[in-house]
Amino acid sequence: VSLNSIDKVKAFVNDISGFEAEFDLVAGRY
């Protein structure tokens, strides 16, 4: 996924918060 702006991050979190599934973002060792 590309989350390269503040607005995109906010919209992304709002969109996935409606699901009961677990979501992890993985960047390198984080």
PDB file of all heavy atoms in Angstrom:
ATOM      1  N   VAL A   1       0.834  -1.198   0.000  1.00  0.00           N
ATOM      2  CA  VAL A   1       0.000   0.000   0.000  1.00  0.00           C
ATOM      3  C   VAL A   1       0.866   1.244   0.000  1.00  0.00           C
ATOM      4  O   VAL A   1       1.993   1.235   0.487  1.00  0.00           O
ATOM      5  CB  VAL A   1      -0.971   0.030   1.206  1.00  0.00           C
ATOM      6  CG1 VAL A   1      -1.991  -1.084   1.112  1.00  0.00           C
ATOM      7  CG2 VAL A   1      -0.239  -0.035   2.525  1.00  0.00           C
ATOM      8  N   SER A   2       0.307   2.320  -0.551  1.00  0.00           N
ATOM      9  CA  SER A   2       0.966   3.618  -0.540  1.00  0.00           C
ATOM     10  C   SER A   2       0.146   4.555   0.334  1.00  0.00           C
ATOM     11  O   SER A   2      -1.034   4.795   0.066  1.00  0.00           O
ATOM     12  CB  SER A   2       1.050   4.169  -1.966  1.00  0.00           C
ATOM     13  OG  SER A   2       1.570   5.478  -1.947  1.00  0.00           O
ATOM     14  N   LEU A   3       0.762   5.073   1.384  1.00  0.00           N
ATOM     15  CA  LEU A   3       0.109   5.997   2.318  1.00  0.00           C
ATOM     16  C   LEU A   3       0.961   7.261   2.409  1.00  0.00           C
ATOM     17  O   LEU A   3       1.418   7.636   3.477  1.00  0.00           O
ATOM     18  CB  LEU A   3      -0.033   5.341   3.697  1.00  0.00           C
ATOM     19  CG  LEU A   3      -0.772   4.015   3.731  1.00  0.00           C
ATOM     20  CD1 LEU A   3      -0.669   3.383   5.115  1.00  0.00           C
ATOM     21  CD2 LEU A   3      -2.226   4.208   3.341  1.00  0.00           C
ATOM     22  N   ASN A   4       1.170   7.915   1.264  1.00  0.00           N
ATOM     23  CA  ASN A   4       2.161   8.981   1.182  1.00  0.00           C
ATOM     24  C   ASN A   4       1.647  10.381   1.506  1.00  0.00           C
ATOM     25  O   ASN A   4       2.289  11.364   1.161  1.00  0.00           O
ATOM     26  CB  ASN A   4       2.813   8.959  -0.205  1.00  0.00           C
ATOM     27  CG  ASN A   4       1.790   9.026  -1.317  1.00  0.00           C
ATOM     28  OD1 ASN A   4       0.609   9.169  -1.067  1.00  0.00           O
ATOM     29  ND2 ASN A   4       2.261   8.905  -2.535  1.00  0.00           N
ATOM     30  N   SER A   5       0.500  10.489   2.180  1.00  0.00           N
ATOM     31  CA  SER A   5       0.027  11.803   2.620  1.00  0.00           C
ATOM     32  C   SER A   5      -0.785  11.644   3.902  1.00  0.00           C
ATOM     33  O   SER A   5      -1.295  10.558   4.208  1.00  0.00           O
ATOM     34  CB  SER A   5      -0.829  12.472   1.541  1.00  0.00           C
ATOM     35  OG  SER A   5      -2.087  11.834   1.449  1.00  0.00           O
ATOM     36  N   ILE A   6      -0.911  12.724   4.637  1.00  0.00           N
ATOM     37  CA  ILE A   6      -1.665  12.698   5.893  1.00  0.00           C
ATOM     38  C   ILE A   6      -3.123  12.330   5.631  1.00  0.00           C
ATOM     39  O   ILE A   6      -3.708  11.528   6.354  1.00  0.00           O
ATOM     40  CB  ILE A   6      -1.556  14.063   6.607  1.00  0.00           C
ATOM     41  CG1 ILE A   6      -0.116  14.297   7.058  1.00  0.00           C
ATOM     42  CG2 ILE A   6      -2.512  14.146   7.785  1.00  0.00           C
ATOM     43  CD1 ILE A   6       0.166  15.694   7.565  1.00  0.00           C
ATOM     44  N   ASP A   7      -3.706  12.910   4.588  1.00  0.00           N
ATOM     45  CA  ASP A   7      -5.104  12.618   4.268  1.00  0.00           C
ATOM     46  C   ASP A   7      -5.309  11.153   3.909  1.00  0.00           C
ATOM     47  O   ASP A   7      -6.313  10.543   4.282  1.00  0.00           O
ATOM     48  CB  ASP A   7      -5.592  13.507   3.118  1.00  0.00           C
ATOM     49  CG  ASP A   7      -5.706  14.963   3.528  1.00  0.00           C
ATOM     50  OD1 ASP A   7      -5.893  15.224   4.739  1.00  0.00           O
ATOM     51  OD2 ASP A   7      -5.597  15.836   2.650  1.00  0.00           O
ATOM     52  N   LYS A   8      -4.347  10.581   3.172  1.00  0.00           N
ATOM     53  CA  LYS A   8      -4.433   9.160   2.803  1.00  0.00           C
ATOM     54  C   LYS A   8      -4.367   8.278   4.043  1.00  0.00           C
ATOM     55  O   LYS A   8      -5.089   7.290   4.138  1.00  0.00           O
ATOM     56  CB  LYS A   8      -3.292   8.801   1.850  1.00  0.00           C
ATOM     57  CG  LYS A   8      -3.743   8.452   0.463  1.00  0.00           C
ATOM     58  CD  LYS A   8      -2.554   8.013  -0.355  1.00  0.00           C
ATOM     59  CE  LYS A   8      -3.023   7.349  -1.620  1.00  0.00           C
ATOM     60  NZ  LYS A   8      -1.942   6.947  -2.494  1.00  0.00           N
ATOM     61  N   VAL A   9      -3.494   8.623   4.991  1.00  0.00           N
ATOM     62  CA  VAL A   9      -3.366   7.834   6.223  1.00  0.00           C
ATOM     63  C   VAL A   9      -4.679   7.865   7.002  1.00  0.00           C
ATOM     64  O   VAL A   9      -5.176   6.829   7.443  1.00  0.00           O
ATOM     65  CB  VAL A   9      -2.190   8.336   7.092  1.00  0.00           C
ATOM     66  CG1 VAL A   9      -2.224   7.694   8.469  1.00  0.00           C
ATOM     67  CG2 VAL A   9      -0.864   8.075   6.404  1.00  0.00           C
ATOM     68  N   LYS A  10      -5.266   9.059   7.155  1.00  0.00           N
ATOM     69  CA  LYS A  10      -6.534   9.180   7.890  1.00  0.00           C
ATOM     70  C   LYS A  10      -7.634   8.366   7.219  1.00  0.00           C
ATOM     71  O   LYS A  10      -8.368   7.633   7.883  1.00  0.00           O
ATOM     72  CB  LYS A  10      -6.968  10.649   7.955  1.00  0.00           C
ATOM     73  CG  LYS A  10      -6.185  11.492   8.910  1.00  0.00           C
ATOM     74  CD  LYS A  10      -6.853  12.854   8.985  1.00  0.00           C
ATOM     75  CE  LYS A  10      -5.874  13.936   9.313  1.00  0.00           C
ATOM     76  NZ  LYS A  10      -6.471  15.265   9.232  1.00  0.00           N
ATOM     77  N   ALA A  11      -7.756   8.486   5.895  1.00  0.00           N
ATOM     78  CA  ALA A  11      -8.790   7.756   5.165  1.00  0.00           C
ATOM     79  C   ALA A  11      -8.562   6.248   5.268  1.00  0.00           C
ATOM     80  O   ALA A  11      -9.511   5.477   5.461  1.00  0.00           O
ATOM     81  CB  ALA A  11      -8.806   8.200   3.703  1.00  0.00           C
ATOM     82  N   PHE A  12      -7.303   5.822   5.160  1.00  0.00           N
ATOM     83  CA  PHE A  12      -6.949   4.398   5.253  1.00  0.00           C
ATOM     84  C   PHE A  12      -7.370   3.823   6.603  1.00  0.00           C
ATOM     85  O   PHE A  12      -8.020   2.786   6.674  1.00  0.00           O
ATOM     86  CB  PHE A  12      -5.438   4.245   5.039  1.00  0.00           C
ATOM     87  CG  PHE A  12      -4.915   2.860   5.285  1.00  0.00           C
ATOM     88  CD1 PHE A  12      -5.065   1.861   4.340  1.00  0.00           C
ATOM     89  CD2 PHE A  12      -4.248   2.554   6.470  1.00  0.00           C
ATOM     90  CE1 PHE A  12      -4.575   0.579   4.563  1.00  0.00           C
ATOM     91  CE2 PHE A  12      -3.754   1.291   6.708  1.00  0.00           C
ATOM     92  CZ  PHE A  12      -3.922   0.294   5.747  1.00  0.00           C
ATOM     93  N   VAL A  13      -7.016   4.503   7.685  1.00  0.00           N
ATOM     94  CA  VAL A  13      -7.364   4.012   9.028  1.00  0.00           C
ATOM     95  C   VAL A  13      -8.878   3.962   9.195  1.00  0.00           C
ATOM     96  O   VAL A  13      -9.420   2.988   9.731  1.00  0.00           O
ATOM     97  CB  VAL A  13      -6.695   4.875  10.123  1.00  0.00           C
ATOM     98  CG1 VAL A  13      -7.220   4.508  11.504  1.00  0.00           C
ATOM     99  CG2 VAL A  13      -5.182   4.705  10.075  1.00  0.00           C
ATOM    100  N   ASN A  14      -9.585   4.986   8.713  1.00  0.00           N
ATOM    101  CA  ASN A  14     -11.053   4.974   8.790  1.00  0.00           C
ATOM    102  C   ASN A  14     -11.636   3.805   8.002  1.00  0.00           C
ATOM    103  O   ASN A  14     -12.577   3.159   8.456  1.00  0.00           O
ATOM    104  CB  ASN A  14     -11.645   6.292   8.275  1.00  0.00           C
ATOM    105  CG  ASN A  14     -11.482   7.418   9.272  1.00  0.00           C
ATOM    106  OD1 ASN A  14     -11.354   7.185  10.468  1.00  0.00           O
ATOM    107  ND2 ASN A  14     -11.476   8.635   8.780  1.00  0.00           N
ATOM    108  N   ASP A  15     -11.084   3.542   6.823  1.00  0.00           N
ATOM    109  CA  ASP A  15     -11.598   2.464   5.971  1.00  0.00           C
ATOM    110  C   ASP A  15     -11.405   1.085   6.597  1.00  0.00           C
ATOM    111  O   ASP A  15     -12.306   0.258   6.570  1.00  0.00           O
ATOM    112  CB  ASP A  15     -10.938   2.501   4.593  1.00  0.00           C
ATOM    113  CG  ASP A  15     -11.424   3.664   3.745  1.00  0.00           C
ATOM    114  OD1 ASP A  15     -12.450   4.287   4.098  1.00  0.00           O
ATOM    115  OD2 ASP A  15     -10.770   3.953   2.724  1.00  0.00           O
ATOM    116  N   ILE A  16     -10.233   0.825   7.168  1.00  0.00           N
ATOM    117  CA  ILE A  16      -9.984  -0.526   7.701  1.00  0.00           C
ATOM    118  C   ILE A  16     -10.539  -0.718   9.109  1.00  0.00           C
ATOM    119  O   ILE A  16     -10.715  -1.849   9.545  1.00  0.00           O
ATOM    120  CB  ILE A  16      -8.486  -0.912   7.660  1.00  0.00           C
ATOM    121  CG1 ILE A  16      -7.658  -0.062   8.601  1.00  0.00           C
ATOM    122  CG2 ILE A  16      -7.972  -0.894   6.239  1.00  0.00           C
ATOM    123  CD1 ILE A  16      -6.245  -0.587   8.800  1.00  0.00           C
ATOM    124  N   SER A  17     -10.834   0.361   9.804  1.00  0.00           N
ATOM    125  CA  SER A  17     -11.348   0.233  11.172  1.00  0.00           C
ATOM    126  C   SER A  17     -12.726  -0.425  11.213  1.00  0.00           C
ATOM    127  O   SER A  17     -13.128  -0.953  12.247  1.00  0.00           O
ATOM    128  CB  SER A  17     -11.400   1.596  11.855  1.00  0.00           C
ATOM    129  OG  SER A  17     -10.085   2.041  12.111  1.00  0.00           O
ATOM    130  N   GLY A  18     -13.427  -0.415  10.093  1.00  0.00           N
ATOM    131  CA  GLY A  18     -14.742  -1.044  10.046  1.00  0.00           C
ATOM    132  C   GLY A  18     -14.693  -2.560   9.984  1.00  0.00           C
ATOM    133  O   GLY A  18     -15.722  -3.217  10.134  1.00  0.00           O
ATOM    134  N   PHE A  19     -13.523  -3.122   9.775  1.00  0.00           N
ATOM    135  CA  PHE A  19     -13.385  -4.579   9.667  1.00  0.00           C
ATOM    136  C   PHE A  19     -12.853  -5.154  10.964  1.00  0.00           C
ATOM    137  O   PHE A  19     -12.054  -4.526  11.651  1.00  0.00           O
ATOM    138  CB  PHE A  19     -12.426  -4.939   8.522  1.00  0.00           C
ATOM    139  CG  PHE A  19     -12.943  -4.557   7.163  1.00  0.00           C
ATOM    140  CD1 PHE A  19     -12.433  -3.452   6.513  1.00  0.00           C
ATOM    141  CD2 PHE A  19     -13.925  -5.307   6.543  1.00  0.00           C
ATOM    142  CE1 PHE A  19     -12.908  -3.090   5.264  1.00  0.00           C
ATOM    143  CE2 PHE A  19     -14.400  -4.958   5.292  1.00  0.00           C
ATOM    144  CZ  PHE A  19     -13.889  -3.842   4.653  1.00  0.00           C
ATOM    145  N   GLU A  20     -13.281  -6.375  11.288  1.00  0.00           N
ATOM    146  CA  GLU A  20     -12.795  -7.034  12.498  1.00  0.00           C
ATOM    147  C   GLU A  20     -11.460  -7.729  12.293  1.00  0.00           C
ATOM    148  O   GLU A  20     -10.834  -8.158  13.251  1.00  0.00           O
ATOM    149  CB  GLU A  20     -13.833  -8.030  13.001  1.00  0.00           C
ATOM    150  CG  GLU A  20     -15.050  -7.348  13.556  1.00  0.00           C
ATOM    151  CD  GLU A  20     -15.922  -8.272  14.367  1.00  0.00           C
ATOM    152  OE1 GLU A  20     -15.428  -9.316  14.841  1.00  0.00           O
ATOM    153  OE2 GLU A  20     -17.088  -7.941  14.538  1.00  0.00           O
ATOM    154  N   ALA A  21     -11.019  -7.831  11.053  1.00  0.00           N
ATOM    155  CA  ALA A  21      -9.737  -8.479  10.770  1.00  0.00           C
ATOM    156  C   ALA A  21      -8.600  -7.674  11.400  1.00  0.00           C
ATOM    157  O   ALA A  21      -8.749  -6.491  11.693  1.00  0.00           O
ATOM    158  CB  ALA A  21      -9.529  -8.579   9.260  1.00  0.00           C
ATOM    159  N   GLU A  22      -7.473  -8.342  11.598  1.00  0.00           N
ATOM    160  CA  GLU A  22      -6.276  -7.679  12.104  1.00  0.00           C
ATOM    161  C   GLU A  22      -5.422  -7.238  10.919  1.00  0.00           C
ATOM    162  O   GLU A  22      -5.283  -7.970   9.940  1.00  0.00           O
ATOM    163  CB  GLU A  22      -5.468  -8.626  12.991  1.00  0.00           C
ATOM    164  CG  GLU A  22      -6.184  -9.028  14.263  1.00  0.00           C
ATOM    165  CD  GLU A  22      -6.371  -7.874  15.223  1.00  0.00           C
ATOM    166  OE1 GLU A  22      -5.444  -7.053  15.375  1.00  0.00           O
ATOM    167  OE2 GLU A  22      -7.464  -7.777  15.808  1.00  0.00           O
ATOM    168  N   PHE A  23      -4.846  -6.054  11.013  1.00  0.00           N
ATOM    169  CA  PHE A  23      -4.015  -5.499   9.954  1.00  0.00           C
ATOM    170  C   PHE A  23      -2.690  -5.038  10.552  1.00  0.00           C
ATOM    171  O   PHE A  23      -2.679  -4.312  11.541  1.00  0.00           O
ATOM    172  CB  PHE A  23      -4.684  -4.268   9.322  1.00  0.00           C
ATOM    173  CG  PHE A  23      -6.016  -4.538   8.682  1.00  0.00           C
ATOM    174  CD1 PHE A  23      -7.180  -4.503   9.429  1.00  0.00           C
ATOM    175  CD2 PHE A  23      -6.105  -4.807   7.329  1.00  0.00           C
ATOM    176  CE1 PHE A  23      -8.414  -4.732   8.843  1.00  0.00           C
ATOM    177  CE2 PHE A  23      -7.332  -5.033   6.730  1.00  0.00           C
ATOM    178  CZ  PHE A  23      -8.489  -5.001   7.488  1.00  0.00           C
ATOM    179  N   ASP A  24      -1.576  -5.458   9.944  1.00  0.00           N
ATOM    180  CA  ASP A  24      -0.250  -5.005  10.357  1.00  0.00           C
ATOM    181  C   ASP A  24       0.460  -4.388   9.164  1.00  0.00           C
ATOM    182  O   ASP A  24       0.409  -4.926   8.054  1.00  0.00           O
ATOM    183  CB  ASP A  24       0.618  -6.172  10.854  1.00  0.00           C
ATOM    184  CG  ASP A  24       0.216  -6.662  12.228  1.00  0.00           C
ATOM    185  OD1 ASP A  24      -0.390  -5.892  12.989  1.00  0.00           O
ATOM    186  OD2 ASP A  24       0.526  -7.827  12.539  1.00  0.00           O
ATOM    187  N   LEU A  25       1.135  -3.267   9.398  1.00  0.00           N
ATOM    188  CA  LEU A  25       2.006  -2.681   8.387  1.00  0.00           C
ATOM    189  C   LEU A  25       3.423  -3.100   8.719  1.00  0.00           C
ATOM    190  O   LEU A  25       3.860  -2.997   9.871  1.00  0.00           O
ATOM    191  CB  LEU A  25       1.888  -1.155   8.387  1.00  0.00           C
ATOM    192  CG  LEU A  25       0.591  -0.614   7.803  1.00  0.00           C
ATOM    193  CD1 LEU A  25       0.445   0.869   8.102  1.00  0.00           C
ATOM    194  CD2 LEU A  25       0.537  -0.849   6.304  1.00  0.00           C
ATOM    195  N   VAL A  26       4.159  -3.574   7.713  1.00  0.00           N
ATOM    196  CA  VAL A  26       5.511  -4.073   7.912  1.00  0.00           C
ATOM    197  C   VAL A  26       6.466  -3.264   7.042  1.00  0.00           C
ATOM    198  O   VAL A  26       6.345  -3.249   5.824  1.00  0.00           O
ATOM    199  CB  VAL A  26       5.614  -5.571   7.548  1.00  0.00           C
ATOM    200  CG1 VAL A  26       7.022  -6.078   7.772  1.00  0.00           C
ATOM    201  CG2 VAL A  26       4.604  -6.388   8.338  1.00  0.00           C
ATOM    202  N   ALA A  27       7.385  -2.584   7.709  1.00  0.00           N
ATOM    203  CA  ALA A  27       8.405  -1.805   7.002  1.00  0.00           C
ATOM    204  C   ALA A  27       9.753  -2.197   7.595  1.00  0.00           C
ATOM    205  O   ALA A  27      10.075  -1.827   8.726  1.00  0.00           O
ATOM    206  CB  ALA A  27       8.164  -0.311   7.165  1.00  0.00           C
ATOM    207  N   GLY A  28      10.516  -2.987   6.842  1.00  0.00           N
ATOM    208  CA  GLY A  28      11.789  -3.479   7.364  1.00  0.00           C
ATOM    209  C   GLY A  28      11.548  -4.367   8.561  1.00  0.00           C
ATOM    210  O   GLY A  28      10.794  -5.329   8.497  1.00  0.00           O
ATOM    211  N   ARG A  29      12.143  -4.015   9.688  1.00  0.00           N
ATOM    212  CA  ARG A  29      11.964  -4.835  10.895  1.00  0.00           C
ATOM    213  C   ARG A  29      10.868  -4.306  11.812  1.00  0.00           C
ATOM    214  O   ARG A  29      10.636  -4.822  12.891  1.00  0.00           O
ATOM    215  CB  ARG A  29      13.282  -4.944  11.662  1.00  0.00           C
ATOM    216  CG  ARG A  29      13.834  -3.627  12.127  1.00  0.00           C
ATOM    217  CD  ARG A  29      15.245  -3.817  12.695  1.00  0.00           C
ATOM    218  NE  ARG A  29      15.819  -2.537  13.030  1.00  0.00           N
ATOM    219  CZ  ARG A  29      16.010  -2.108  14.263  1.00  0.00           C
ATOM    220  NH1 ARG A  29      15.678  -2.874  15.274  1.00  0.00           N
ATOM    221  NH2 ARG A  29      16.548  -0.929  14.480  1.00  0.00           N
ATOM    222  N   TYR A  30      10.162  -3.256  11.359  1.00  0.00           N
ATOM    223  CA  TYR A  30       9.088  -2.671  12.161  1.00  0.00           C
ATOM    224  C   TYR A  30       7.742  -3.236  11.748  1.00  0.00           C
ATOM    225  O   TYR A  30       7.426  -3.309  10.570  1.00  0.00           O
ATOM    226  CB  TYR A  30       9.070  -1.145  12.009  1.00  0.00           C
ATOM    227  CG  TYR A  30      10.340  -0.497  12.473  1.00  0.00           C
ATOM    228  CD1 TYR A  30      11.293  -0.062  11.564  1.00  0.00           C
ATOM    229  CD2 TYR A  30      10.598  -0.342  13.831  1.00  0.00           C
ATOM    230  CE1 TYR A  30      12.474   0.514  11.984  1.00  0.00           C
ATOM    231  CE2 TYR A  30      11.780   0.232  14.268  1.00  0.00           C
ATOM    232  CZ  TYR A  30      12.713   0.659  13.337  1.00  0.00           C
ATOM    233  OH  TYR A  30      13.884   1.224  13.764  1.00  0.00           O
TER     234      TYR A  30
END
